[in-house]
Each structure stands twice: as structure tokens, then as C-alpha cells.
Amino acid sequence: MDWVGPHQLSMVLQARSRWRQLAAPIGPSEVRRTERWLATARVALAVSALFAVWMYPTQISWWAHWLLGIYIVHGFVVMLLFRFNKRSTPAFRALVHVADLMWPASIYVFATGRDLFFLFFVFVLAAAAYRWGLWETIGTAAGSLTILWSESVALRHGLLAALDGFLVHHHWPKLGINVSELEPKRLFILSVCLLVMGWILGYLAEQHKLLRAELERASLARELHDGVLNSLLGLEMRLHALADLQEGSTARELRQIQDILLEEARKLRELMQRVKPVNVDAKSLRPRLMEIAQRFERDTGIRAKFVCDSSVVDIECSICGVVVRIVQEAFANVRKHSCATEVSIHLDRRDSNWQLTIEDNGVGFPYPGRFSQSKLKASGRGPLVIMECVDSIGGELTLESTTGRGSRLEITIPRN
């Protein structure tokens, strides 16, 4: 093994930077790039639609041509704003999205053959999925349907006659809207299609983002293991050999440096475990927790025990991953703060839920007593990361601490 040199230090800094990128929300540059891509797609869709309308065999209203032309101008203006403006506020992006939502519902009512104009709905759903996720995309579909149904009710109950009368009075062409195409049966079919399309696009976009995050984290964990961790362990081994050749204060100082390197290596291992994606289901949860406990005991010398009294675990996969994170964080806290010699993990069934109990014989928390999760939140105390994990699955945490005798965490875990 080699000493840690500039290359390894550079790898540490790069890994640190990538970790911050993974932990932080999407940055302004990524947002601007996403909006530029959507703006380009918006213009391409509008120009293609206008070209197709000129060649479409069905008669298209004069007003539909003008609306498409205005939509093209709108698309170019938005594209130029995102390309040359260095900042884009959330309010402006929301306004652009609302405009995108209004255009399909406005253009859709003008043509008898509407298959072409359905693409505008697909675009606005895809934009919502690309910007945000599942529920925002479903909300966009619901908003489009609300506008369409409102237009249908208004136009079929006198608004169309009033507008056509106004246009004829001023010697302008009629709107050319076929009200029969807005009858409830047709809109109901369209509603089902849009909601299903919104769910599919939002679900796929959300899963794709999760997959990208997992791949990035797995890549970062490999880089840490293959580069920085191996170099730290190599340096620790050489310091150990060098300390054996020294005497007195020099040997003691080398031993202290060696201990510091071992502690940093342990912290790096814990970071790697947190970064790695957790792929665990109900069947593999028990062996995974047992493996974590055995590795913790092997690395730290603190005796660790995992017990699960039930032979069958029926917890949803996404919750299993959070349970693993909770146990990893609990072990990290025990090693750093508790001065414990023993720690035990119990996973037991409690009526329709499960209970995870984490207990150690360390010094306990600075505040003795028994506290519910709501009391801990109100006082700003407690294991914050574990509490966030418990909140994410709709569970409940109780902390019991005795000064000098250890602490006990009782976590209620829902099955799904």
C-alpha cells in the first residue's frame, strides 16, 4: 500500500463534492438546463402541429390557426428568456407551466379531428413529470380536465352562441367549435386517458430519478472504497510497522496518529454504508440486519446482537430499506457517543404493526427519562436522523434514557 498523496486527496475532495451534490436539491444550473430543453421541445411541437394542420384533411377553424401561431410565438419567447436570462424564479416556472396547461384545453375545442391536439396534453404531462414527479403530474392532468369540463359546460350552455354572435356582429369568422365533440361521453374517455397517462409518466419519471440517485451513490461508494479507504488503511499499516521500530514519545505519537486513521476509516465505512443504495425486501431484512450487527461487532469490538422472534416478516419493501437505515444510524450513534460495550436490536410483531427496539448499556442521553417523539421534536432533542426516518414511514418513536445505564429506542413500524 502507498502513502496518501495528492491523487488520493483529490479523490477525497471529489467524493465530498459529489456527496454534497447528492444530498442537496437540484441546483439553479440544472433547473435552467431543464427549462431550456422543455422550451425547445415546446417550439418544435407547436411548429410541427401548425405544419400538420395545413395538411390535415379535416377542416380546421381560422381561429385554431391563429392560436397555434400565438403558441409558437409564446414558445419562442419562453425559450429566449430561459436561454439568455441567468435566473429563473419558481414563480416564473409555475406561470409557464400554467400557460402550457391552458393552451391544450384552448386549442383542443377547435378541431373535429383531435388526435393531433392530444399531443399538447402529452407534452404538458411530460413537462410536469420532468420537472417534478408523480403527484404533480397527476395534478396537471386533473387541472387540464377541470378546464376542459368547464369549457364544455360553458360552451354547451350559451357561451358559444354569445361569442359567435359577437364575432359576426364585428364581421369576424365564427369560432367553428363543434359542441358535439365536447359531450360528456367523449370527455369521460379523454379524462380516463389523461389520468392514466399522467400516472404512467409521473411514475416512470420518479422511478428514473430514484434509479439515477442509486447509481450515483453506488458509484461514489465504490470510489471511496477502492481509493480513499484502501489508502487510509495502507497508511495505518505502515504507521503500525514504523511505530514498532520507534521508542518513547515518538512511538506513542505514531500510535495516536494510527488511532486517528483507524477512526477516520471507520467513519468512512459508515459513510459508504449510508451512501450505498439499500436493496432489501421482507425476506432479506432479517439476514441483512444480522449481517450489519456482525460487521459492527467485528469493526468496533462492541458486542452486538440482533433478535427477531417472528419467523415471517411482512413489511413493505420501501419500509424495509428505512429500517436498515435506522439500524445503521443507531449503530453509528452507539459507536460515537454511548461508550457502550453491548448493544441489542430486537424486531418483534406488535398487533398489526412491528416494533424495532434498540438498546445499549452506555452512558445514556444527557436528559434522563422517557420521551415520546412529539416531546423530542418540541424540545429539539433526540436522534434527529432516526426521527426523520421514522417520520418518513409514518412510525412512532419513544426514547428512554438512564444516566450511566444506557438508552432504549422503541420504534413502531407500520407494515405498509
Protein backbone atom coordinates (compact mmCIF):
# COMPACT_ATOMS: atom_id res chain seq x y z
CA MET A 1 0.00 0.00 0.00
CA ASP A 2 1.13 3.57 -0.74
CA TRP A 3 1.02 6.68 1.33
CA VAL A 4 -1.84 9.12 0.80
CA GLY A 5 -0.66 11.58 -1.82
CA PRO A 6 -2.15 14.42 -3.89
CA HIS A 7 -4.13 11.97 -6.03
CA GLN A 8 -5.87 10.44 -3.01
CA LEU A 9 -6.56 13.86 -1.51
CA SER A 10 -8.07 14.93 -4.82
CA MET A 11 -10.29 11.84 -4.75
CA VAL A 12 -11.44 12.77 -1.23
CA LEU A 13 -12.38 16.27 -2.36
CA GLN A 14 -14.18 14.96 -5.45
CA ALA A 15 -16.10 12.40 -3.40
CA ARG A 16 -17.00 15.10 -0.89
CA SER A 17 -18.26 17.36 -3.69
CA ARG A 18 -20.32 14.56 -5.24
CA TRP A 19 -21.80 13.69 -1.87
CA ARG A 20 -22.91 17.30 -1.41
CA GLN A 21 -24.50 17.23 -4.87
CA LEU A 22 -26.41 14.06 -3.98
CA ALA A 23 -27.57 15.44 -0.65
CA ALA A 24 -28.54 18.89 -1.96
CA PRO A 25 -31.61 19.80 -4.03
CA ILE A 26 -31.25 20.31 -7.76
CA GLY A 27 -29.20 23.43 -8.46
CA PRO A 28 -30.09 26.54 -10.49
CA SER A 29 -27.95 25.48 -13.47
CA GLU A 30 -29.75 22.13 -13.71
CA VAL A 31 -33.12 23.88 -13.47
CA ARG A 32 -32.21 26.30 -16.27
CA ARG A 33 -30.95 23.46 -18.45
CA THR A 34 -34.17 21.50 -17.92
CA GLU A 35 -36.30 24.53 -18.77
CA ARG A 36 -34.26 25.20 -21.94
CA TRP A 37 -34.83 21.63 -23.10
CA LEU A 38 -38.57 21.93 -22.43
CA ALA A 39 -38.70 25.28 -24.24
CA THR A 40 -37.04 23.78 -27.32
CA ALA A 41 -39.46 20.86 -27.28
CA ARG A 42 -42.39 23.26 -26.89
CA VAL A 43 -41.41 25.22 -30.03
CA ALA A 44 -40.79 22.04 -32.03
CA LEU A 45 -44.23 20.69 -31.04
CA ALA A 46 -46.02 23.93 -31.97
CA VAL A 47 -44.29 24.27 -35.37
CA SER A 48 -44.93 20.60 -36.18
CA ALA A 49 -48.59 20.95 -35.19
CA LEU A 50 -49.07 24.03 -37.38
CA PHE A 51 -47.47 22.27 -40.34
CA ALA A 52 -49.66 19.20 -39.78
CA VAL A 53 -52.81 21.35 -39.54
CA TRP A 54 -52.14 22.80 -43.00
CA MET A 55 -52.02 19.26 -44.39
CA TYR A 56 -54.84 17.82 -42.26
CA PRO A 57 -57.87 16.69 -44.31
CA THR A 58 -60.40 17.87 -41.71
CA GLN A 59 -61.47 21.50 -41.80
CA ILE A 60 -59.70 23.47 -39.05
CA SER A 61 -61.09 26.72 -37.73
CA TRP A 62 -59.46 30.00 -38.73
CA TRP A 63 -59.12 30.76 -35.03
CA ALA A 64 -57.22 27.49 -34.47
CA HIS A 65 -54.54 28.62 -36.95
CA TRP A 66 -54.14 31.90 -35.11
CA LEU A 67 -53.98 30.20 -31.72
CA LEU A 68 -51.25 27.87 -32.97
CA GLY A 69 -49.34 30.84 -34.33
CA ILE A 70 -49.61 32.64 -30.98
CA TYR A 71 -48.48 29.46 -29.24
CA ILE A 72 -45.38 29.36 -31.46
CA VAL A 73 -44.57 32.98 -30.55
CA HIS A 74 -45.14 32.13 -26.88
CA GLY A 75 -42.78 29.16 -27.19
CA PHE A 76 -40.02 31.25 -28.82
CA VAL A 77 -40.34 33.99 -26.18
CA VAL A 78 -40.09 31.50 -23.32
CA MET A 79 -37.13 29.77 -24.99
CA LEU A 80 -35.26 33.06 -25.41
CA LEU A 81 -35.98 34.10 -21.83
CA PHE A 82 -34.59 30.85 -20.45
CA ARG A 83 -31.61 30.94 -22.80
CA PHE A 84 -30.45 34.49 -22.08
CA ASN A 85 -31.75 35.08 -18.56
CA LYS A 86 -29.32 33.76 -15.93
CA ARG A 87 -32.02 33.31 -13.30
CA SER A 88 -35.49 31.75 -13.35
CA THR A 89 -37.69 32.00 -10.30
CA PRO A 90 -40.07 29.22 -9.19
CA ALA A 91 -42.97 31.65 -9.71
CA PHE A 92 -42.00 32.21 -13.36
CA ARG A 93 -41.61 28.46 -13.98
CA ALA A 94 -45.01 27.85 -12.40
CA LEU A 95 -46.51 30.57 -14.65
CA VAL A 96 -45.00 28.91 -17.74
CA HIS A 97 -46.44 25.57 -16.64
CA VAL A 98 -49.90 27.08 -16.12
CA ALA A 99 -49.71 28.58 -19.61
CA ASP A 100 -48.72 25.18 -21.00
CA LEU A 101 -51.72 23.69 -19.22
CA MET A 102 -54.12 26.31 -20.64
CA TRP A 103 -53.01 26.00 -24.28
CA PRO A 104 -54.08 22.37 -24.96
CA ALA A 105 -57.52 22.94 -23.45
CA SER A 106 -57.91 26.13 -25.52
CA ILE A 107 -56.78 24.64 -28.85
CA TYR A 108 -58.47 21.27 -28.38
CA VAL A 109 -62.01 22.61 -28.81
CA PHE A 110 -61.42 23.98 -32.32
CA ALA A 111 -60.98 20.85 -34.44
CA THR A 112 -63.22 17.90 -35.23
CA GLY A 113 -60.25 15.54 -35.59
CA ARG A 114 -58.44 15.93 -32.31
CA ASP A 115 -55.81 13.21 -32.31
CA LEU A 116 -53.12 15.74 -33.24
CA PHE A 117 -54.04 18.12 -30.41
CA PHE A 118 -53.84 15.32 -27.84
CA LEU A 119 -50.04 15.66 -28.20
CA PHE A 120 -50.26 19.03 -26.44
CA PHE A 121 -51.72 17.29 -23.39
CA VAL A 122 -48.97 14.67 -23.53
CA PHE A 123 -46.34 17.44 -23.63
CA VAL A 124 -47.66 19.26 -20.57
CA LEU A 125 -47.84 15.98 -18.63
CA ALA A 126 -44.30 15.07 -19.68
CA ALA A 127 -43.09 18.55 -18.64
CA ALA A 128 -44.64 18.12 -15.18
CA ALA A 129 -43.04 14.68 -14.83
CA TYR A 130 -39.67 16.00 -15.99
CA ARG A 131 -39.76 18.98 -13.61
CA TRP A 132 -41.22 17.34 -10.52
CA GLY A 133 -42.71 13.88 -10.02
CA LEU A 134 -45.76 11.66 -9.75
CA TRP A 135 -48.28 13.74 -7.84
CA GLU A 136 -47.52 16.97 -9.67
CA THR A 137 -48.09 15.16 -12.98
CA ILE A 138 -51.41 13.73 -11.80
CA GLY A 139 -52.36 17.20 -10.58
CA THR A 140 -51.55 18.62 -14.01
CA ALA A 141 -53.81 16.03 -15.65
CA ALA A 142 -56.59 16.88 -13.20
CA GLY A 143 -56.12 20.61 -13.91
CA SER A 144 -56.36 20.05 -17.68
CA LEU A 145 -59.56 18.05 -17.21
CA THR A 146 -61.05 20.72 -14.97
CA ILE A 147 -60.50 23.33 -17.68
CA LEU A 148 -61.90 21.05 -20.40
CA TRP A 149 -65.03 20.17 -18.46
CA SER A 150 -65.58 23.85 -17.58
CA GLU A 151 -65.27 24.78 -21.26
CA SER A 152 -67.71 22.03 -22.19
CA VAL A 153 -70.34 23.18 -19.71
CA ALA A 154 -69.95 26.86 -20.61
CA LEU A 155 -69.96 26.40 -24.41
CA ARG A 156 -72.88 23.96 -24.40
CA HIS A 157 -74.99 26.30 -22.25
CA GLY A 158 -75.00 29.52 -24.26
CA LEU A 159 -71.45 30.86 -24.21
CA LEU A 160 -70.69 29.63 -27.75
CA ALA A 161 -73.80 31.32 -29.20
CA ALA A 162 -72.92 34.57 -27.42
CA LEU A 163 -69.32 34.53 -28.68
CA ASP A 164 -70.33 33.68 -32.27
CA GLY A 165 -72.91 36.47 -32.20
CA PHE A 166 -70.30 38.95 -31.02
CA LEU A 167 -67.84 37.89 -33.75
CA VAL A 168 -70.47 38.02 -36.54
CA HIS A 169 -71.54 41.46 -35.35
CA HIS A 170 -67.98 42.67 -35.86
CA HIS A 171 -67.65 40.84 -39.22
CA TRP A 172 -65.19 38.24 -37.91
CA PRO A 173 -65.28 34.48 -38.60
CA LYS A 174 -67.14 32.28 -36.17
CA LEU A 175 -65.18 30.21 -33.70
CA GLY A 176 -66.01 27.00 -35.56
CA ILE A 177 -66.34 24.87 -32.42
CA ASN A 178 -68.20 21.58 -32.77
CA VAL A 179 -70.09 21.28 -29.48
CA SER A 180 -70.96 17.64 -30.11
CA GLU A 181 -67.27 16.79 -29.67
CA LEU A 182 -67.48 18.15 -26.11
CA GLU A 183 -70.31 15.91 -24.93
CA PRO A 184 -69.76 14.15 -21.58
CA LYS A 185 -69.20 10.65 -23.03
CA ARG A 186 -66.27 11.79 -25.18
CA LEU A 187 -64.78 13.89 -22.40
CA PHE A 188 -65.07 11.00 -19.97
CA ILE A 189 -62.95 8.80 -22.26
CA LEU A 190 -60.44 11.62 -22.64
CA SER A 191 -60.40 12.08 -18.85
CA VAL A 192 -59.53 8.45 -18.26
CA CYS A 193 -56.78 8.60 -20.89
CA LEU A 194 -55.22 11.74 -19.40
CA LEU A 195 -55.28 10.47 -15.83
CA VAL A 196 -53.74 7.14 -16.82
CA MET A 197 -51.15 8.91 -18.98
CA GLY A 198 -50.35 11.30 -16.12
CA TRP A 199 -49.87 8.44 -13.67
CA ILE A 200 -47.65 6.48 -16.08
CA LEU A 201 -45.41 9.43 -16.98
CA GLY A 202 -45.14 10.63 -13.38
CA TYR A 203 -44.39 7.15 -12.05
CA LEU A 204 -41.72 6.47 -14.68
CA ALA A 205 -40.08 9.86 -14.11
CA GLU A 206 -39.98 9.36 -10.35
CA GLN A 207 -38.54 5.85 -10.63
CA HIS A 208 -35.95 7.08 -13.13
CA LYS A 209 -34.79 9.78 -10.70
CA LEU A 210 -34.52 7.21 -7.90
CA LEU A 211 -32.54 4.89 -10.14
CA ARG A 212 -30.12 7.65 -11.14
CA ALA A 213 -29.61 8.60 -7.48
CA GLU A 214 -28.93 4.97 -6.53
CA LEU A 215 -26.43 4.52 -9.36
CA GLU A 216 -24.64 7.74 -8.38
CA ARG A 217 -24.44 6.64 -4.76
CA ALA A 218 -23.21 3.17 -5.67
CA SER A 219 -20.52 4.70 -7.89
CA LEU A 220 -19.46 7.07 -5.12
CA ALA A 221 -19.26 4.19 -2.61
CA ARG A 222 -17.03 2.20 -4.99
CA GLU A 223 -14.71 5.18 -5.47
CA LEU A 224 -14.43 5.68 -1.71
CA HIS A 225 -13.70 2.00 -1.13
CA ASP A 226 -11.25 1.46 -3.98
CA GLY A 227 -9.35 4.70 -3.49
CA VAL A 228 -9.53 6.62 -0.24
CA LEU A 229 -10.32 3.78 2.19
CA ASN A 230 -7.60 1.49 0.86
CA SER A 231 -5.07 4.31 1.05
CA LEU A 232 -6.04 5.14 4.65
CA LEU A 233 -5.70 1.50 5.67
CA GLY A 234 -2.36 1.25 3.88
CA LEU A 235 -1.09 4.32 5.69
CA GLU A 236 -2.29 2.89 9.02
CA MET A 237 -0.40 -0.36 8.40
CA ARG A 238 2.82 1.48 7.58
CA LEU A 239 2.47 3.64 10.68
CA HIS A 240 1.99 0.49 12.75
CA ALA A 241 5.18 -1.00 11.33
CA LEU A 242 7.04 2.27 11.84
CA ALA A 243 5.85 2.60 15.44
CA ASP A 244 7.24 -0.87 16.23
CA LEU A 245 10.69 0.42 15.27
CA GLN A 246 10.48 3.51 17.49
CA GLU A 247 10.60 4.04 21.24
CA GLY A 248 9.33 6.55 23.77
CA SER A 249 7.34 9.62 22.80
CA THR A 250 7.84 9.07 19.06
CA ALA A 251 6.23 5.62 19.24
CA ARG A 252 3.33 6.98 21.32
CA GLU A 253 2.71 9.79 18.85
CA LEU A 254 2.75 7.38 15.94
CA ARG A 255 0.25 5.17 17.79
CA GLN A 256 -2.02 8.19 18.28
CA ILE A 257 -1.84 9.02 14.58
CA GLN A 258 -2.60 5.38 13.83
CA ASP A 259 -5.70 5.52 16.08
CA ILE A 260 -6.87 8.68 14.31
CA LEU A 261 -6.54 6.98 10.93
CA LEU A 262 -8.47 3.94 12.15
CA GLU A 263 -11.24 6.20 13.45
CA GLU A 264 -11.42 8.05 10.13
CA ALA A 265 -11.52 4.72 8.30
CA ARG A 266 -14.48 3.64 10.46
CA LYS A 267 -16.27 6.92 9.73
CA LEU A 268 -15.62 6.42 6.03
CA ARG A 269 -17.05 2.90 6.18
CA GLU A 270 -20.19 4.26 7.87
CA LEU A 271 -20.49 6.93 5.18
CA MET A 272 -20.16 4.26 2.50
CA GLN A 273 -22.92 2.21 4.11
CA ARG A 274 -25.20 5.25 4.10
CA VAL A 275 -24.37 6.13 0.51
CA LYS A 276 -24.93 2.62 -0.84
CA PRO A 277 -28.47 2.00 -2.12
CA VAL A 278 -30.44 -0.32 0.14
CA ASN A 279 -31.97 -3.17 -1.85
CA VAL A 280 -33.79 -5.24 0.74
CA ASP A 281 -37.23 -6.80 1.00
CA ALA A 282 -39.17 -8.59 3.72
CA LYS A 283 -37.41 -11.93 3.08
CA SER A 284 -33.90 -10.49 3.20
CA LEU A 285 -34.48 -8.00 6.05
CA ARG A 286 -33.59 -10.38 8.89
CA PRO A 287 -30.29 -11.65 7.38
CA ARG A 288 -29.37 -8.07 6.38
CA LEU A 289 -29.83 -6.75 9.92
CA MET A 290 -27.92 -9.70 11.33
CA GLU A 291 -25.08 -9.02 8.89
CA ILE A 292 -24.99 -5.33 9.94
CA ALA A 293 -24.81 -6.33 13.61
CA GLN A 294 -22.00 -8.82 12.99
CA ARG A 295 -19.99 -6.33 10.95
CA PHE A 296 -20.47 -3.66 13.63
CA GLU A 297 -19.16 -6.02 16.32
CA ARG A 298 -16.22 -7.05 14.14
CA ASP A 299 -15.24 -3.45 13.32
CA THR A 300 -15.71 -1.87 16.76
CA GLY A 301 -15.33 -4.64 19.32
CA ILE A 302 -18.70 -3.68 20.83
CA ARG A 303 -20.83 -6.78 21.32
CA ALA A 304 -23.90 -6.55 19.07
CA LYS A 305 -26.91 -8.86 19.00
CA PHE A 306 -29.89 -8.99 16.65
CA VAL A 307 -33.03 -10.95 17.58
CA CYS A 308 -36.22 -11.42 15.58
CA ASP A 309 -38.81 -13.66 17.26
CA SER A 310 -41.12 -13.92 14.25
CA SER A 311 -40.37 -16.44 11.52
CA VAL A 312 -42.12 -14.40 8.82
CA VAL A 313 -41.58 -10.68 8.24
CA ASP A 314 -44.34 -8.98 6.24
CA ILE A 315 -43.09 -5.40 5.90
CA GLU A 316 -43.28 -3.44 2.65
CA CYS A 317 -40.02 -3.23 0.69
CA SER A 318 -39.71 0.56 0.88
CA ILE A 319 -40.14 0.42 4.67
CA CYS A 320 -37.56 -2.39 4.94
CA GLY A 321 -34.98 -0.05 3.40
CA VAL A 322 -35.78 2.63 6.00
CA VAL A 323 -35.47 0.06 8.82
CA VAL A 324 -31.96 -0.77 7.60
CA ARG A 325 -31.06 2.94 7.58
CA ILE A 326 -32.38 3.33 11.13
CA VAL A 327 -30.27 0.43 12.40
CA GLN A 328 -27.16 1.73 10.61
CA GLU A 329 -27.64 5.18 12.14
CA ALA A 330 -28.28 3.71 15.58
CA PHE A 331 -25.04 1.70 15.44
CA ALA A 332 -23.14 4.81 14.33
CA ASN A 333 -24.54 6.77 17.28
CA VAL A 334 -23.65 3.97 19.70
CA ARG A 335 -20.06 3.91 18.48
CA LYS A 336 -19.62 7.70 18.56
CA HIS A 337 -21.45 8.76 21.71
CA SER A 338 -22.55 5.95 24.03
CA CYS A 339 -19.30 4.41 25.36
CA ALA A 340 -21.29 1.15 25.39
CA THR A 341 -19.91 -2.37 25.46
CA GLU A 342 -23.14 -4.06 24.34
CA VAL A 343 -25.98 -3.17 22.01
CA SER A 344 -29.01 -5.24 21.07
CA ILE A 345 -31.56 -4.96 18.26
CA HIS A 346 -34.98 -6.64 18.59
CA LEU A 347 -37.57 -6.81 15.81
CA ASP A 348 -40.93 -8.12 17.06
CA ARG A 349 -44.53 -8.13 15.86
CA ARG A 350 -46.87 -5.83 17.76
CA ASP A 351 -50.50 -6.47 16.77
CA SER A 352 -50.85 -5.23 13.19
CA ASN A 353 -47.52 -3.37 13.28
CA TRP A 354 -43.90 -4.19 14.11
CA GLN A 355 -41.65 -2.84 16.83
CA LEU A 356 -37.93 -2.22 16.50
CA THR A 357 -36.12 -1.92 19.83
CA ILE A 358 -32.53 -0.66 20.06
CA GLU A 359 -30.90 -0.85 23.48
CA ASP A 360 -27.36 -0.25 24.76
CA ASN A 361 -25.57 -0.19 28.13
CA GLY A 362 -23.71 3.08 27.58
CA VAL A 363 -23.80 6.41 29.34
CA GLY A 364 -27.26 7.32 28.06
CA PHE A 365 -28.51 10.63 26.70
CA PRO A 366 -27.80 13.88 28.59
CA TYR A 367 -31.51 14.09 29.50
CA PRO A 368 -32.75 11.08 31.50
CA GLY A 369 -36.37 9.95 31.33
CA ARG A 370 -38.90 8.59 28.86
CA PHE A 371 -39.88 10.80 25.91
CA SER A 372 -42.30 10.44 23.04
CA GLN A 373 -41.39 11.60 19.55
CA SER A 374 -43.62 14.68 19.84
CA LYS A 375 -41.86 15.76 23.06
CA LEU A 376 -38.44 15.25 21.48
CA LYS A 377 -39.45 17.36 18.48
CA ALA A 378 -40.85 20.10 20.68
CA SER A 379 -37.61 20.31 22.66
CA GLY A 380 -35.32 19.91 19.61
CA ARG A 381 -33.63 16.87 21.12
CA GLY A 382 -33.20 13.21 20.23
CA PRO A 383 -31.55 11.27 17.39
CA LEU A 384 -32.62 13.58 14.57
CA VAL A 385 -31.70 11.35 11.62
CA ILE A 386 -33.54 8.38 13.11
CA MET A 387 -36.55 10.57 13.87
CA GLU A 388 -36.64 11.76 10.25
CA CYS A 389 -36.55 8.14 9.05
CA VAL A 390 -39.38 7.22 11.41
CA ASP A 391 -41.43 10.18 10.17
CA SER A 392 -40.90 9.11 6.56
CA ILE A 393 -42.67 5.77 7.15
CA GLY A 394 -45.39 7.07 9.44
CA GLY A 395 -43.96 5.34 12.51
CA GLU A 396 -43.62 6.41 16.13
CA LEU A 397 -40.51 6.64 18.31
CA THR A 398 -40.12 6.50 22.09
CA LEU A 399 -36.79 7.24 23.78
CA GLU A 400 -35.92 6.03 27.27
CA SER A 401 -32.59 7.05 28.79
CA THR A 402 -30.98 6.40 32.17
CA THR A 403 -27.79 8.28 33.05
CA GLY A 404 -24.88 5.87 33.29
CA ARG A 405 -27.01 2.84 32.41
CA GLY A 406 -27.75 3.27 28.73
CA SER A 407 -30.64 4.13 26.45
CA ARG A 408 -33.50 2.37 24.71
CA LEU A 409 -35.29 3.29 21.47
CA GLU A 410 -38.71 1.79 20.76
CA ILE A 411 -39.87 2.36 17.18
CA THR A 412 -43.31 1.35 15.93
CA ILE A 413 -43.09 0.33 12.28
CA PRO A 414 -46.20 0.03 10.06
CA ARG A 415 -46.35 -2.98 7.77
CA ASN A 416 -47.05 -0.78 4.72
